[in-house]
């Protein structure tokens, strides 16, 4: 259903370095670059994330309640993306862990360098007791 998501940034080069490193942890790489945006995706035909210098010329800002969720595939990849984001200056918004709504939902939350909220997740994890 989702083809792409755009996130605004006030510093494309700084944000691109952040996303190059963080998204590599879940298998994504740059798929397109233009003067005003850079896109990443895991494979052709898959949804893309675009970082964009807002076309209206105003500064980028975050939306309250807006979050982008990245399917990471495994708990290890969730942790790796989260740890990379925090190491690069992202802000912790909820460490990696099992949330049971829905059951087996393993997720970590961070804010990027511009304050955009991100989730890295995988599903169908069986909790150990």
Foldseek 3Di string as FASTA:
>chain_A
DAAEEEAEAPDQVLQVVLCQQLVVLLQKHWDDDDPFWTWIDNDPPHHIYIYGHDPVNDHGAEDVPDEEEAERADLVSQQSSQVSQVVSPWAWPAHWDADVVPHFKTWGWTAHPRRHIYIYIYGDHDDDD
